[in-house]
Amino acid sequence: QVQLVESGGGLVQAGGSLRLSCAASGSIFSINAMGWYRQAPGKQRELVAAITSLGSTHYEDSVKGRSTISRENAMVYLLMNSLKPEDTAVYYCHAGVSIRPGVIVDYWGQGTQVTVSS
């Protein structure tokens, strides 16, 4: 079993910053890509940012230039600056975990609420 545990969400004023953290643990052979998704009420879950095992990153257009994704060992972080009310959502950590050579399974965290007040 593999668990992803997020932390760092909360209530912040527009223009503020938050740093989300996610820790992966359990029966992990290796971790491939890790990322952050978000889901706002009434909307589909969308990718916010992702980082490969080699450190290549990808950002959704609306967060480019004001967000930084990073990882270290089995941790992944998302620093978000200049937050806007439209960033309000539940943020989910994702990891593509190789549980043994050649077998990759997608895992998700339980989600952490980010609320940006105007």
PDB file of N, CA and C in Angstrom:
ATOM      1  N   GLN A   1       0.821  -1.199   0.000  1.00  0.00           N
ATOM      2  CA  GLN A   1       0.000   0.000   0.000  1.00  0.00           C
ATOM      3  C   GLN A   1       0.854   1.247   0.000  1.00  0.00           C
ATOM      4  N   VAL A   2       0.356   2.285  -0.675  1.00  0.00           N
ATOM      5  CA  VAL A   2       1.033   3.572  -0.747  1.00  0.00           C
ATOM      6  C   VAL A   2       0.057   4.642  -0.283  1.00  0.00           C
ATOM      7  N   GLN A   3       0.543   5.541   0.523  1.00  0.00           N
ATOM      8  CA  GLN A   3      -0.279   6.658   0.995  1.00  0.00           C
ATOM      9  C   GLN A   3       0.356   7.974   0.586  1.00  0.00           C
ATOM     10  N   LEU A   4      -0.501   8.919   0.204  1.00  0.00           N
ATOM     11  CA  LEU A   4      -0.090  10.294  -0.060  1.00  0.00           C
ATOM     12  C   LEU A   4      -0.831  11.177   0.933  1.00  0.00           C
ATOM     13  N   VAL A   5      -0.085  11.964   1.680  1.00  0.00           N
ATOM     14  CA  VAL A   5      -0.691  12.819   2.697  1.00  0.00           C
ATOM     15  C   VAL A   5      -0.317  14.256   2.405  1.00  0.00           C
ATOM     16  N   GLU A   6      -1.347  15.079   2.174  1.00  0.00           N
ATOM     17  CA  GLU A   6      -1.127  16.493   1.873  1.00  0.00           C
ATOM     18  C   GLU A   6      -1.238  17.345   3.134  1.00  0.00           C
ATOM     19  N   SER A   7      -0.609  18.506   3.083  1.00  0.00           N
ATOM     20  CA  SER A   7      -0.747  19.490   4.146  1.00  0.00           C
ATOM     21  C   SER A   7      -0.474  20.870   3.555  1.00  0.00           C
ATOM     22  N   GLY A   8      -0.874  21.897   4.291  1.00  0.00           N
ATOM     23  CA  GLY A   8      -0.539  23.254   3.885  1.00  0.00           C
ATOM     24  C   GLY A   8      -1.679  24.070   3.332  1.00  0.00           C
ATOM     25  N   GLY A   9      -2.840  23.477   3.172  1.00  0.00           N
ATOM     26  CA  GLY A   9      -3.970  24.252   2.675  1.00  0.00           C
ATOM     27  C   GLY A   9      -4.495  25.191   3.749  1.00  0.00           C
ATOM     28  N   GLY A  10      -5.463  26.003   3.373  1.00  0.00           N
ATOM     29  CA  GLY A  10      -6.052  26.913   4.346  1.00  0.00           C
ATOM     30  C   GLY A  10      -6.708  28.098   3.690  1.00  0.00           C
ATOM     31  N   LEU A  11      -6.992  29.099   4.514  1.00  0.00           N
ATOM     32  CA  LEU A  11      -7.627  30.326   4.060  1.00  0.00           C
ATOM     33  C   LEU A  11      -6.570  31.409   3.936  1.00  0.00           C
ATOM     34  N   VAL A  12      -6.548  32.069   2.795  1.00  0.00           N
ATOM     35  CA  VAL A  12      -5.570  33.123   2.561  1.00  0.00           C
ATOM     36  C   VAL A  12      -6.232  34.253   1.788  1.00  0.00           C
ATOM     37  N   GLN A  13      -5.767  35.464   2.009  1.00  0.00           N
ATOM     38  CA  GLN A  13      -6.301  36.599   1.272  1.00  0.00           C
ATOM     39  C   GLN A  13      -5.714  36.658  -0.133  1.00  0.00           C
ATOM     40  N   ALA A  14      -6.463  37.241  -1.029  1.00  0.00           N
ATOM     41  CA  ALA A  14      -5.971  37.422  -2.388  1.00  0.00           C
ATOM     42  C   ALA A  14      -4.640  38.167  -2.360  1.00  0.00           C
ATOM     43  N   GLY A  15      -3.716  37.683  -3.180  1.00  0.00           N
ATOM     44  CA  GLY A  15      -2.382  38.258  -3.207  1.00  0.00           C
ATOM     45  C   GLY A  15      -1.400  37.547  -2.301  1.00  0.00           C
ATOM     46  N   GLY A  16      -1.907  36.678  -1.446  1.00  0.00           N
ATOM     47  CA  GLY A  16      -1.053  35.958  -0.518  1.00  0.00           C
ATOM     48  C   GLY A  16      -0.429  34.722  -1.132  1.00  0.00           C
ATOM     49  N   SER A  17       0.244  33.950  -0.282  1.00  0.00           N
ATOM     50  CA  SER A  17       0.965  32.763  -0.731  1.00  0.00           C
ATOM     51  C   SER A  17       0.620  31.566   0.145  1.00  0.00           C
ATOM     52  N   LEU A  18       0.765  30.393  -0.450  1.00  0.00           N
ATOM     53  CA  LEU A  18       0.613  29.138   0.284  1.00  0.00           C
ATOM     54  C   LEU A  18       1.623  28.143  -0.245  1.00  0.00           C
ATOM     55  N   ARG A  19       2.074  27.265   0.628  1.00  0.00           N
ATOM     56  CA  ARG A  19       2.944  26.168   0.209  1.00  0.00           C
ATOM     57  C   ARG A  19       2.275  24.868   0.599  1.00  0.00           C
ATOM     58  N   LEU A  20       1.942  24.079  -0.413  1.00  0.00           N
ATOM     59  CA  LEU A  20       1.361  22.762  -0.183  1.00  0.00           C
ATOM     60  C   LEU A  20       2.466  21.714  -0.175  1.00  0.00           C
ATOM     61  N   SER A  21       2.316  20.745   0.705  1.00  0.00           N
ATOM     62  CA  SER A  21       3.276  19.648   0.795  1.00  0.00           C
ATOM     63  C   SER A  21       2.542  18.326   0.674  1.00  0.00           C
ATOM     64  N   CYS A  22       3.242  17.341   0.140  1.00  0.00           N
ATOM     65  CA  CYS A  22       2.667  16.005   0.011  1.00  0.00           C
ATOM     66  C   CYS A  22       3.773  14.991   0.268  1.00  0.00           C
ATOM     67  N   ALA A  23       3.489  14.055   1.161  1.00  0.00           N
ATOM     68  CA  ALA A  23       4.456  13.018   1.495  1.00  0.00           C
ATOM     69  C   ALA A  23       3.932  11.661   1.053  1.00  0.00           C
ATOM     70  N   ALA A  24       4.747  10.953   0.297  1.00  0.00           N
ATOM     71  CA  ALA A  24       4.404   9.605  -0.137  1.00  0.00           C
ATOM     72  C   ALA A  24       5.111   8.603   0.763  1.00  0.00           C
ATOM     73  N   SER A  25       4.391   7.560   1.130  1.00  0.00           N
ATOM     74  CA  SER A  25       4.995   6.523   1.971  1.00  0.00           C
ATOM     75  C   SER A  25       4.357   5.182   1.648  1.00  0.00           C
ATOM     76  N   GLY A  26       5.042   4.118   2.064  1.00  0.00           N
ATOM     77  CA  GLY A  26       4.504   2.786   1.850  1.00  0.00           C
ATOM     78  C   GLY A  26       5.412   1.930   0.990  1.00  0.00           C
ATOM     79  N   SER A  27       4.817   1.005   0.275  1.00  0.00           N
ATOM     80  CA  SER A  27       5.567   0.043  -0.536  1.00  0.00           C
ATOM     81  C   SER A  27       5.927   0.656  -1.884  1.00  0.00           C
ATOM     82  N   ILE A  28       6.989   1.452  -1.876  1.00  0.00           N
ATOM     83  CA  ILE A  28       7.401   2.205  -3.057  1.00  0.00           C
ATOM     84  C   ILE A  28       8.724   1.676  -3.577  1.00  0.00           C
ATOM     85  N   PHE A  29       8.723   1.256  -4.842  1.00  0.00           N
ATOM     86  CA  PHE A  29       9.985   0.883  -5.489  1.00  0.00           C
ATOM     87  C   PHE A  29      10.660   2.141  -6.028  1.00  0.00           C
ATOM     88  N   SER A  30       9.868   2.959  -6.719  1.00  0.00           N
ATOM     89  CA  SER A  30      10.333   4.261  -7.185  1.00  0.00           C
ATOM     90  C   SER A  30       9.114   5.110  -7.501  1.00  0.00           C
ATOM     91  N   ILE A  31       9.330   6.412  -7.605  1.00  0.00           N
ATOM     92  CA  ILE A  31       8.240   7.329  -7.930  1.00  0.00           C
ATOM     93  C   ILE A  31       8.539   7.999  -9.253  1.00  0.00           C
ATOM     94  N   ASN A  32       7.615   7.944 -10.158  1.00  0.00           N
ATOM     95  CA  ASN A  32       7.760   8.609 -11.458  1.00  0.00           C
ATOM     96  C   ASN A  32       7.286  10.048 -11.320  1.00  0.00           C
ATOM     97  N   ALA A  33       6.345  10.469 -12.113  1.00  0.00           N
ATOM     98  CA  ALA A  33       5.870  11.842 -12.033  1.00  0.00           C
ATOM     99  C   ALA A  33       5.039  12.056 -10.775  1.00  0.00           C
ATOM    100  N   MET A  34       5.134  13.266 -10.249  1.00  0.00           N
ATOM    101  CA  MET A  34       4.289  13.701  -9.142  1.00  0.00           C
ATOM    102  C   MET A  34       3.644  15.011  -9.555  1.00  0.00           C
ATOM    103  N   GLY A  35       2.503  15.294  -8.974  1.00  0.00           N
ATOM    104  CA  GLY A  35       1.849  16.536  -9.375  1.00  0.00           C
ATOM    105  C   GLY A  35       0.741  16.952  -8.443  1.00  0.00           C
ATOM    106  N   TRP A  36       0.193  18.102  -8.760  1.00  0.00           N
ATOM    107  CA  TRP A  36      -0.930  18.656  -8.029  1.00  0.00           C
ATOM    108  C   TRP A  36      -2.079  18.918  -8.985  1.00  0.00           C
ATOM    109  N   TYR A  37      -3.254  18.478  -8.579  1.00  0.00           N
ATOM    110  CA  TYR A  37      -4.485  18.750  -9.294  1.00  0.00           C
ATOM    111  C   TYR A  37      -5.397  19.551  -8.367  1.00  0.00           C
ATOM    112  N   ARG A  38      -6.404  20.172  -8.945  1.00  0.00           N
ATOM    113  CA  ARG A  38      -7.386  20.870  -8.122  1.00  0.00           C
ATOM    114  C   ARG A  38      -8.775  20.679  -8.706  1.00  0.00           C
ATOM    115  N   GLN A  39      -9.742  20.781  -7.823  1.00  0.00           N
ATOM    116  CA  GLN A  39     -11.131  20.672  -8.252  1.00  0.00           C
ATOM    117  C   GLN A  39     -11.967  21.704  -7.496  1.00  0.00           C
ATOM    118  N   ALA A  40     -12.517  22.627  -8.243  1.00  0.00           N
ATOM    119  CA  ALA A  40     -13.405  23.636  -7.679  1.00  0.00           C
ATOM    120  C   ALA A  40     -14.840  23.124  -7.750  1.00  0.00           C
ATOM    121  N   PRO A  41     -15.727  23.644  -6.925  1.00  0.00           N
ATOM    122  CA  PRO A  41     -17.122  23.196  -6.937  1.00  0.00           C
ATOM    123  C   PRO A  41     -17.744  23.322  -8.317  1.00  0.00           C
ATOM    124  N   GLY A  42     -18.348  22.237  -8.768  1.00  0.00           N
ATOM    125  CA  GLY A  42     -19.030  22.240 -10.054  1.00  0.00           C
ATOM    126  C   GLY A  42     -18.116  22.136 -11.248  1.00  0.00           C
ATOM    127  N   LYS A  43     -16.826  21.941 -11.011  1.00  0.00           N
ATOM    128  CA  LYS A  43     -15.876  21.853 -12.122  1.00  0.00           C
ATOM    129  C   LYS A  43     -15.145  20.529 -12.095  1.00  0.00           C
ATOM    130  N   GLN A  44     -14.546  20.207 -13.226  1.00  0.00           N
ATOM    131  CA  GLN A  44     -13.766  18.980 -13.315  1.00  0.00           C
ATOM    132  C   GLN A  44     -12.398  19.169 -12.653  1.00  0.00           C
ATOM    133  N   ARG A  45     -11.827  18.077 -12.210  1.00  0.00           N
ATOM    134  CA  ARG A  45     -10.478  18.120 -11.662  1.00  0.00           C
ATOM    135  C   ARG A  45      -9.509  18.478 -12.794  1.00  0.00           C
ATOM    136  N   GLU A  46      -8.576  19.390 -12.508  1.00  0.00           N
ATOM    137  CA  GLU A  46      -7.622  19.801 -13.520  1.00  0.00           C
ATOM    138  C   GLU A  46      -6.203  19.751 -12.965  1.00  0.00           C
ATOM    139  N   LEU A  47      -5.267  19.528 -13.884  1.00  0.00           N
ATOM    140  CA  LEU A  47      -3.858  19.519 -13.507  1.00  0.00           C
ATOM    141  C   LEU A  47      -3.401  20.952 -13.246  1.00  0.00           C
ATOM    142  N   VAL A  48      -2.722  21.157 -12.128  1.00  0.00           N
ATOM    143  CA  VAL A  48      -2.147  22.465 -11.816  1.00  0.00           C
ATOM    144  C   VAL A  48      -0.671  22.495 -12.184  1.00  0.00           C
ATOM    145  N   ALA A  49       0.059  21.492 -11.729  1.00  0.00           N
ATOM    146  CA  ALA A  49       1.491  21.428 -12.003  1.00  0.00           C
ATOM    147  C   ALA A  49       1.962  20.003 -11.822  1.00  0.00           C
ATOM    148  N   ALA A  50       2.999  19.636 -12.567  1.00  0.00           N
ATOM    149  CA  ALA A  50       3.558  18.298 -12.464  1.00  0.00           C
ATOM    150  C   ALA A  50       5.068  18.363 -12.599  1.00  0.00           C
ATOM    151  N   ILE A  51       5.736  17.359 -12.042  1.00  0.00           N
ATOM    152  CA  ILE A  51       7.192  17.288 -12.108  1.00  0.00           C
ATOM    153  C   ILE A  51       7.595  15.836 -12.295  1.00  0.00           C
ATOM    154  N   THR A  52       8.499  15.603 -13.234  1.00  0.00           N
ATOM    155  CA  THR A  52       8.941  14.242 -13.497  1.00  0.00           C
ATOM    156  C   THR A  52      10.037  13.843 -12.520  1.00  0.00           C
ATOM    157  N   SER A  53      10.456  12.592 -12.607  1.00  0.00           N
ATOM    158  CA  SER A  53      11.514  12.112 -11.732  1.00  0.00           C
ATOM    159  C   SER A  53      12.856  12.776 -12.065  1.00  0.00           C
ATOM    160  N   LEU A  54      12.953  13.328 -13.281  1.00  0.00           N
ATOM    161  CA  LEU A  54      14.184  14.019 -13.683  1.00  0.00           C
ATOM    162  C   LEU A  54      14.105  15.516 -13.432  1.00  0.00           C
ATOM    163  N   GLY A  55      12.969  15.983 -12.921  1.00  0.00           N
ATOM    164  CA  GLY A  55      12.841  17.395 -12.575  1.00  0.00           C
ATOM    165  C   GLY A  55      12.201  18.281 -13.615  1.00  0.00           C
ATOM    166  N   SER A  56      11.765  17.717 -14.720  1.00  0.00           N
ATOM    167  CA  SER A  56      11.063  18.530 -15.707  1.00  0.00           C
ATOM    168  C   SER A  56       9.692  18.902 -15.164  1.00  0.00           C
ATOM    169  N   THR A  57       9.288  20.142 -15.403  1.00  0.00           N
ATOM    170  CA  THR A  57       8.040  20.631 -14.841  1.00  0.00           C
ATOM    171  C   THR A  57       7.059  21.074 -15.915  1.00  0.00           C
ATOM    172  N   HIS A  58       5.798  21.065 -15.533  1.00  0.00           N
ATOM    173  CA  HIS A  58       4.727  21.536 -16.407  1.00  0.00           C
ATOM    174  C   HIS A  58       3.728  22.271 -15.533  1.00  0.00           C
ATOM    175  N   TYR A  59       3.243  23.413 -16.029  1.00  0.00           N
ATOM    176  CA  TYR A  59       2.272  24.208 -15.290  1.00  0.00           C
ATOM    177  C   TYR A  59       1.054  24.506 -16.142  1.00  0.00           C
ATOM    178  N   GLU A  60      -0.087  24.520 -15.498  1.00  0.00           N
ATOM    179  CA  GLU A  60      -1.307  24.968 -16.149  1.00  0.00           C
ATOM    180  C   GLU A  60      -1.179  26.457 -16.397  1.00  0.00           C
ATOM    181  N   ASP A  61      -1.730  26.938 -17.502  1.00  0.00           N
ATOM    182  CA  ASP A  61      -1.491  28.319 -17.920  1.00  0.00           C
ATOM    183  C   ASP A  61      -1.833  29.345 -16.838  1.00  0.00           C
ATOM    184  N   SER A  62      -2.904  29.137 -16.108  1.00  0.00           N
ATOM    185  CA  SER A  62      -3.350  30.173 -15.166  1.00  0.00           C
ATOM    186  C   SER A  62      -2.433  30.312 -13.956  1.00  0.00           C
ATOM    187  N   VAL A  63      -1.558  29.353 -13.716  1.00  0.00           N
ATOM    188  CA  VAL A  63      -0.655  29.440 -12.551  1.00  0.00           C
ATOM    189  C   VAL A  63       0.789  29.675 -12.959  1.00  0.00           C
ATOM    190  N   LYS A  64       1.058  29.663 -14.258  1.00  0.00           N
ATOM    191  CA  LYS A  64       2.422  29.894 -14.723  1.00  0.00           C
ATOM    192  C   LYS A  64       2.932  31.245 -14.247  1.00  0.00           C
ATOM    193  N   GLY A  65       4.174  31.263 -13.802  1.00  0.00           N
ATOM    194  CA  GLY A  65       4.784  32.512 -13.373  1.00  0.00           C
ATOM    195  C   GLY A  65       4.515  32.871 -11.930  1.00  0.00           C
ATOM    196  N   ARG A  66       3.583  32.191 -11.283  1.00  0.00           N
ATOM    197  CA  ARG A  66       3.304  32.491  -9.883  1.00  0.00           C
ATOM    198  C   ARG A  66       3.255  31.224  -9.026  1.00  0.00           C
ATOM    199  N   SER A  67       3.651  30.110  -9.630  1.00  0.00           N
ATOM    200  CA  SER A  67       3.685  28.849  -8.880  1.00  0.00           C
ATOM    201  C   SER A  67       4.977  28.111  -9.172  1.00  0.00           C
ATOM    202  N   THR A  68       5.445  27.368  -8.171  1.00  0.00           N
ATOM    203  CA  THR A  68       6.650  26.558  -8.339  1.00  0.00           C
ATOM    204  C   THR A  68       6.413  25.191  -7.729  1.00  0.00           C
ATOM    205  N   ILE A  69       6.603  24.155  -8.540  1.00  0.00           N
ATOM    206  CA  ILE A  69       6.515  22.798  -8.041  1.00  0.00           C
ATOM    207  C   ILE A  69       7.931  22.263  -7.858  1.00  0.00           C
ATOM    208  N   SER A  70       8.141  21.522  -6.791  1.00  0.00           N
ATOM    209  CA  SER A  70       9.455  20.938  -6.528  1.00  0.00           C
ATOM    210  C   SER A  70       9.260  19.610  -5.819  1.00  0.00           C
ATOM    211  N   ARG A  71      10.318  18.795  -5.823  1.00  0.00           N
ATOM    212  CA  ARG A  71      10.235  17.510  -5.143  1.00  0.00           C
ATOM    213  C   ARG A  71      11.581  17.148  -4.547  1.00  0.00           C
ATOM    214  N   GLU A  72      11.516  16.380  -3.497  1.00  0.00           N
ATOM    215  CA  GLU A  72      12.727  15.887  -2.846  1.00  0.00           C
ATOM    216  C   GLU A  72      12.391  14.544  -2.237  1.00  0.00           C
ATOM    217  N   ASN A  73      13.089  13.523  -2.700  1.00  0.00           N
ATOM    218  CA  ASN A  73      12.816  12.153  -2.254  1.00  0.00           C
ATOM    219  C   ASN A  73      11.340  11.842  -2.509  1.00  0.00           C
ATOM    220  N   ALA A  74      10.601  11.517  -1.474  1.00  0.00           N
ATOM    221  CA  ALA A  74       9.198  11.131  -1.649  1.00  0.00           C
ATOM    222  C   ALA A  74       8.249  12.277  -1.318  1.00  0.00           C
ATOM    223  N   MET A  75       8.755  13.502  -1.367  1.00  0.00           N
ATOM    224  CA  MET A  75       7.945  14.681  -1.082  1.00  0.00           C
ATOM    225  C   MET A  75       7.778  15.502  -2.354  1.00  0.00           C
ATOM    226  N   VAL A  76       6.617  16.116  -2.480  1.00  0.00           N
ATOM    227  CA  VAL A  76       6.395  17.079  -3.561  1.00  0.00           C
ATOM    228  C   VAL A  76       5.744  18.318  -2.935  1.00  0.00           C
ATOM    229  N   TYR A  77       6.149  19.481  -3.445  1.00  0.00           N
ATOM    230  CA  TYR A  77       5.699  20.746  -2.899  1.00  0.00           C
ATOM    231  C   TYR A  77       5.118  21.608  -4.019  1.00  0.00           C
ATOM    232  N   LEU A  78       4.182  22.475  -3.641  1.00  0.00           N
ATOM    233  CA  LEU A  78       3.658  23.465  -4.575  1.00  0.00           C
ATOM    234  C   LEU A  78       3.594  24.801  -3.843  1.00  0.00           C
ATOM    235  N   LEU A  79       4.410  25.733  -4.294  1.00  0.00           N
ATOM    236  CA  LEU A  79       4.383  27.083  -3.755  1.00  0.00           C
ATOM    237  C   LEU A  79       3.552  27.940  -4.696  1.00  0.00           C
ATOM    238  N   MET A  80       2.540  28.550  -4.167  1.00  0.00           N
ATOM    239  CA  MET A  80       1.666  29.394  -4.979  1.00  0.00           C
ATOM    240  C   MET A  80       1.703  30.815  -4.436  1.00  0.00           C
ATOM    241  N   ASN A  81       2.051  31.749  -5.295  1.00  0.00           N
ATOM    242  CA  ASN A  81       2.100  33.161  -4.944  1.00  0.00           C
ATOM    243  C   ASN A  81       0.985  33.916  -5.667  1.00  0.00           C
ATOM    244  N   SER A  82       0.785  35.153  -5.233  1.00  0.00           N
ATOM    245  CA  SER A  82      -0.223  36.022  -5.871  1.00  0.00           C
ATOM    246  C   SER A  82      -1.548  35.284  -6.053  1.00  0.00           C
ATOM    247  N   LEU A  83      -1.999  34.664  -5.001  1.00  0.00           N
ATOM    248  CA  LEU A  83      -3.215  33.852  -5.088  1.00  0.00           C
ATOM    249  C   LEU A  83      -4.433  34.706  -5.426  1.00  0.00           C
ATOM    250  N   LYS A  84      -5.331  34.092  -6.196  1.00  0.00           N
ATOM    251  CA  LYS A  84      -6.541  34.750  -6.643  1.00  0.00           C
ATOM    252  C   LYS A  84      -7.762  33.971  -6.145  1.00  0.00           C
ATOM    253  N   PRO A  85      -8.907  34.622  -6.024  1.00  0.00           N
ATOM    254  CA  PRO A  85     -10.103  33.878  -5.601  1.00  0.00           C
ATOM    255  C   PRO A  85     -10.403  32.672  -6.484  1.00  0.00           C
ATOM    256  N   GLU A  86     -10.067  32.756  -7.763  1.00  0.00           N
ATOM    257  CA  GLU A  86     -10.322  31.624  -8.663  1.00  0.00           C
ATOM    258  C   GLU A  86      -9.387  30.445  -8.426  1.00  0.00           C
ATOM    259  N   ASP A  87      -8.400  30.612  -7.558  1.00  0.00           N
ATOM    260  CA  ASP A  87      -7.560  29.482  -7.162  1.00  0.00           C
ATOM    261  C   ASP A  87      -8.231  28.636  -6.085  1.00  0.00           C
ATOM    262  N   THR A  88      -9.348  29.094  -5.569  1.00  0.00           N
ATOM    263  CA  THR A  88     -10.063  28.349  -4.533  1.00  0.00           C
ATOM    264  C   THR A  88     -10.501  26.994  -5.066  1.00  0.00           C
ATOM    265  N   ALA A  89     -10.106  25.944  -4.366  1.00  0.00           N
ATOM    266  CA  ALA A  89     -10.411  24.573  -4.794  1.00  0.00           C
ATOM    267  C   ALA A  89      -9.874  23.602  -3.754  1.00  0.00           C
ATOM    268  N   VAL A  90     -10.229  22.346  -3.934  1.00  0.00           N
ATOM    269  CA  VAL A  90      -9.560  21.283  -3.194  1.00  0.00           C
ATOM    270  C   VAL A  90      -8.373  20.838  -4.045  1.00  0.00           C
ATOM    271  N   TYR A  91      -7.209  20.821  -3.449  1.00  0.00           N
ATOM    272  CA  TYR A  91      -5.984  20.463  -4.149  1.00  0.00           C
ATOM    273  C   TYR A  91      -5.594  19.028  -3.778  1.00  0.00           C
ATOM    274  N   TYR A  92      -5.323  18.242  -4.814  1.00  0.00           N
ATOM    275  CA  TYR A  92      -4.986  16.838  -4.639  1.00  0.00           C
ATOM    276  C   TYR A  92      -3.564  16.560  -5.119  1.00  0.00           C
ATOM    277  N   CYS A  93      -2.847  15.812  -4.332  1.00  0.00           N
ATOM    278  CA  CYS A  93      -1.523  15.339  -4.721  1.00  0.00           C
ATOM    279  C   CYS A  93      -1.676  14.041  -5.519  1.00  0.00           C
ATOM    280  N   HIS A  94      -0.862  13.888  -6.528  1.00  0.00           N
ATOM    281  CA  HIS A  94      -0.867  12.671  -7.351  1.00  0.00           C
ATOM    282  C   HIS A  94       0.563  12.158  -7.512  1.00  0.00           C
ATOM    283  N   ALA A  95       0.697  10.854  -7.551  1.00  0.00           N
ATOM    284  CA  ALA A  95       2.004  10.264  -7.826  1.00  0.00           C
ATOM    285  C   ALA A  95       1.836   9.005  -8.653  1.00  0.00           C
ATOM    286  N   GLY A  96       2.693   8.848  -9.626  1.00  0.00           N
ATOM    287  CA  GLY A  96       2.780   7.608 -10.379  1.00  0.00           C
ATOM    288  C   GLY A  96       3.852   6.764  -9.728  1.00  0.00           C
ATOM    289  N   VAL A  97       3.457   5.733  -9.023  1.00  0.00           N
ATOM    290  CA  VAL A  97       4.373   4.962  -8.194  1.00  0.00           C
ATOM    291  C   VAL A  97       4.645   3.603  -8.808  1.00  0.00           C
ATOM    292  N   SER A  98       5.921   3.293  -8.950  1.00  0.00           N
ATOM    293  CA  SER A  98       6.310   1.952  -9.364  1.00  0.00           C
ATOM    294  C   SER A  98       6.398   1.110  -8.103  1.00  0.00           C
ATOM    295  N   ILE A  99       5.464   0.164  -7.955  1.00  0.00           N
ATOM    296  CA  ILE A  99       5.447  -0.668  -6.752  1.00  0.00           C
ATOM    297  C   ILE A  99       6.379  -1.871  -6.898  1.00  0.00           C
ATOM    298  N   ARG A 100       6.762  -2.173  -8.115  1.00  0.00           N
ATOM    299  CA  ARG A 100       7.802  -3.153  -8.421  1.00  0.00           C
ATOM    300  C   ARG A 100       8.201  -2.895  -9.869  1.00  0.00           C
ATOM    301  N   PRO A 101       9.335  -3.374 -10.334  1.00  0.00           N
ATOM    302  CA  PRO A 101       9.779  -3.052 -11.693  1.00  0.00           C
ATOM    303  C   PRO A 101       8.714  -3.350 -12.741  1.00  0.00           C
ATOM    304  N   GLY A 102       8.395  -2.352 -13.525  1.00  0.00           N
ATOM    305  CA  GLY A 102       7.454  -2.520 -14.616  1.00  0.00           C
ATOM    306  C   GLY A 102       5.997  -2.337 -14.248  1.00  0.00           C
ATOM    307  N   VAL A 103       5.699  -2.100 -12.977  1.00  0.00           N
ATOM    308  CA  VAL A 103       4.313  -1.927 -12.539  1.00  0.00           C
ATOM    309  C   VAL A 103       4.158  -0.544 -11.930  1.00  0.00           C
ATOM    310  N   ILE A 104       3.384   0.316 -12.585  1.00  0.00           N
ATOM    311  CA  ILE A 104       3.168   1.690 -12.125  1.00  0.00           C
ATOM    312  C   ILE A 104       1.701   1.863 -11.790  1.00  0.00           C
ATOM    313  N   VAL A 105       1.440   2.399 -10.619  1.00  0.00           N
ATOM    314  CA  VAL A 105       0.077   2.611 -10.144  1.00  0.00           C
ATOM    315  C   VAL A 105      -0.101   4.084  -9.800  1.00  0.00           C
ATOM    316  N   ASP A 106      -1.246   4.644 -10.138  1.00  0.00           N
ATOM    317  CA  ASP A 106      -1.575   6.029  -9.782  1.00  0.00           C
ATOM    318  C   ASP A 106      -2.153   6.071  -8.371  1.00  0.00           C
ATOM    319  N   TYR A 107      -1.614   6.991  -7.578  1.00  0.00           N
ATOM    320  CA  TYR A 107      -2.130   7.197  -6.233  1.00  0.00           C
ATOM    321  C   TYR A 107      -2.518   8.669  -6.047  1.00  0.00           C
ATOM    322  N   TRP A 108      -3.512   8.881  -5.177  1.00  0.00           N
ATOM    323  CA  TRP A 108      -4.011  10.218  -4.898  1.00  0.00           C
ATOM    324  C   TRP A 108      -4.055  10.476  -3.397  1.00  0.00           C
ATOM    325  N   GLY A 109      -3.822  11.716  -3.038  1.00  0.00           N
ATOM    326  CA  GLY A 109      -4.019  12.103  -1.666  1.00  0.00           C
ATOM    327  C   GLY A 109      -5.493  12.366  -1.395  1.00  0.00           C
ATOM    328  N   GLN A 110      -5.784  12.686  -0.153  1.00  0.00           N
ATOM    329  CA  GLN A 110      -7.178  12.881   0.249  1.00  0.00           C
ATOM    330  C   GLN A 110      -7.686  14.282  -0.089  1.00  0.00           C
ATOM    331  N   GLY A 111      -6.784  15.177  -0.423  1.00  0.00           N
ATOM    332  CA  GLY A 111      -7.173  16.538  -0.790  1.00  0.00           C
ATOM    333  C   GLY A 111      -7.013  17.508   0.356  1.00  0.00           C
ATOM    334  N   THR A 112      -6.647  18.733   0.027  1.00  0.00           N
ATOM    335  CA  THR A 112      -6.543  19.791   1.013  1.00  0.00           C
ATOM    336  C   THR A 112      -7.216  21.039   0.452  1.00  0.00           C
ATOM    337  N   GLN A 113      -8.035  21.669   1.268  1.00  0.00           N
ATOM    338  CA  GLN A 113      -8.814  22.819   0.810  1.00  0.00           C
ATOM    339  C   GLN A 113      -7.957  24.081   0.804  1.00  0.00           C
ATOM    340  N   VAL A 114      -8.016  24.795  -0.309  1.00  0.00           N
ATOM    341  CA  VAL A 114      -7.405  26.118  -0.414  1.00  0.00           C
ATOM    342  C   VAL A 114      -8.525  27.110  -0.718  1.00  0.00           C
ATOM    343  N   THR A 115      -8.672  28.102   0.135  1.00  0.00           N
ATOM    344  CA  THR A 115      -9.696  29.125  -0.047  1.00  0.00           C
ATOM    345  C   THR A 115      -9.026  30.489  -0.087  1.00  0.00           C
ATOM    346  N   VAL A 116      -9.269  31.224  -1.156  1.00  0.00           N
ATOM    347  CA  VAL A 116      -8.677  32.551  -1.325  1.00  0.00           C
ATOM    348  C   VAL A 116      -9.798  33.579  -1.253  1.00  0.00           C
ATOM    349  N   SER A 117      -9.714  34.445  -0.271  1.00  0.00           N
ATOM    350  CA  SER A 117     -10.756  35.461  -0.094  1.00  0.00           C
ATOM    351  C   SER A 117     -10.373  36.743  -0.820  1.00  0.00           C
ATOM    352  N   SER A 118     -11.382  37.415  -1.335  1.00  0.00           N
ATOM    353  CA  SER A 118     -11.128  38.652  -2.095  1.00  0.00           C
ATOM    354  C   SER A 118     -11.095  39.869  -1.184  1.00  0.00           C
TER     355      SER A 118
END
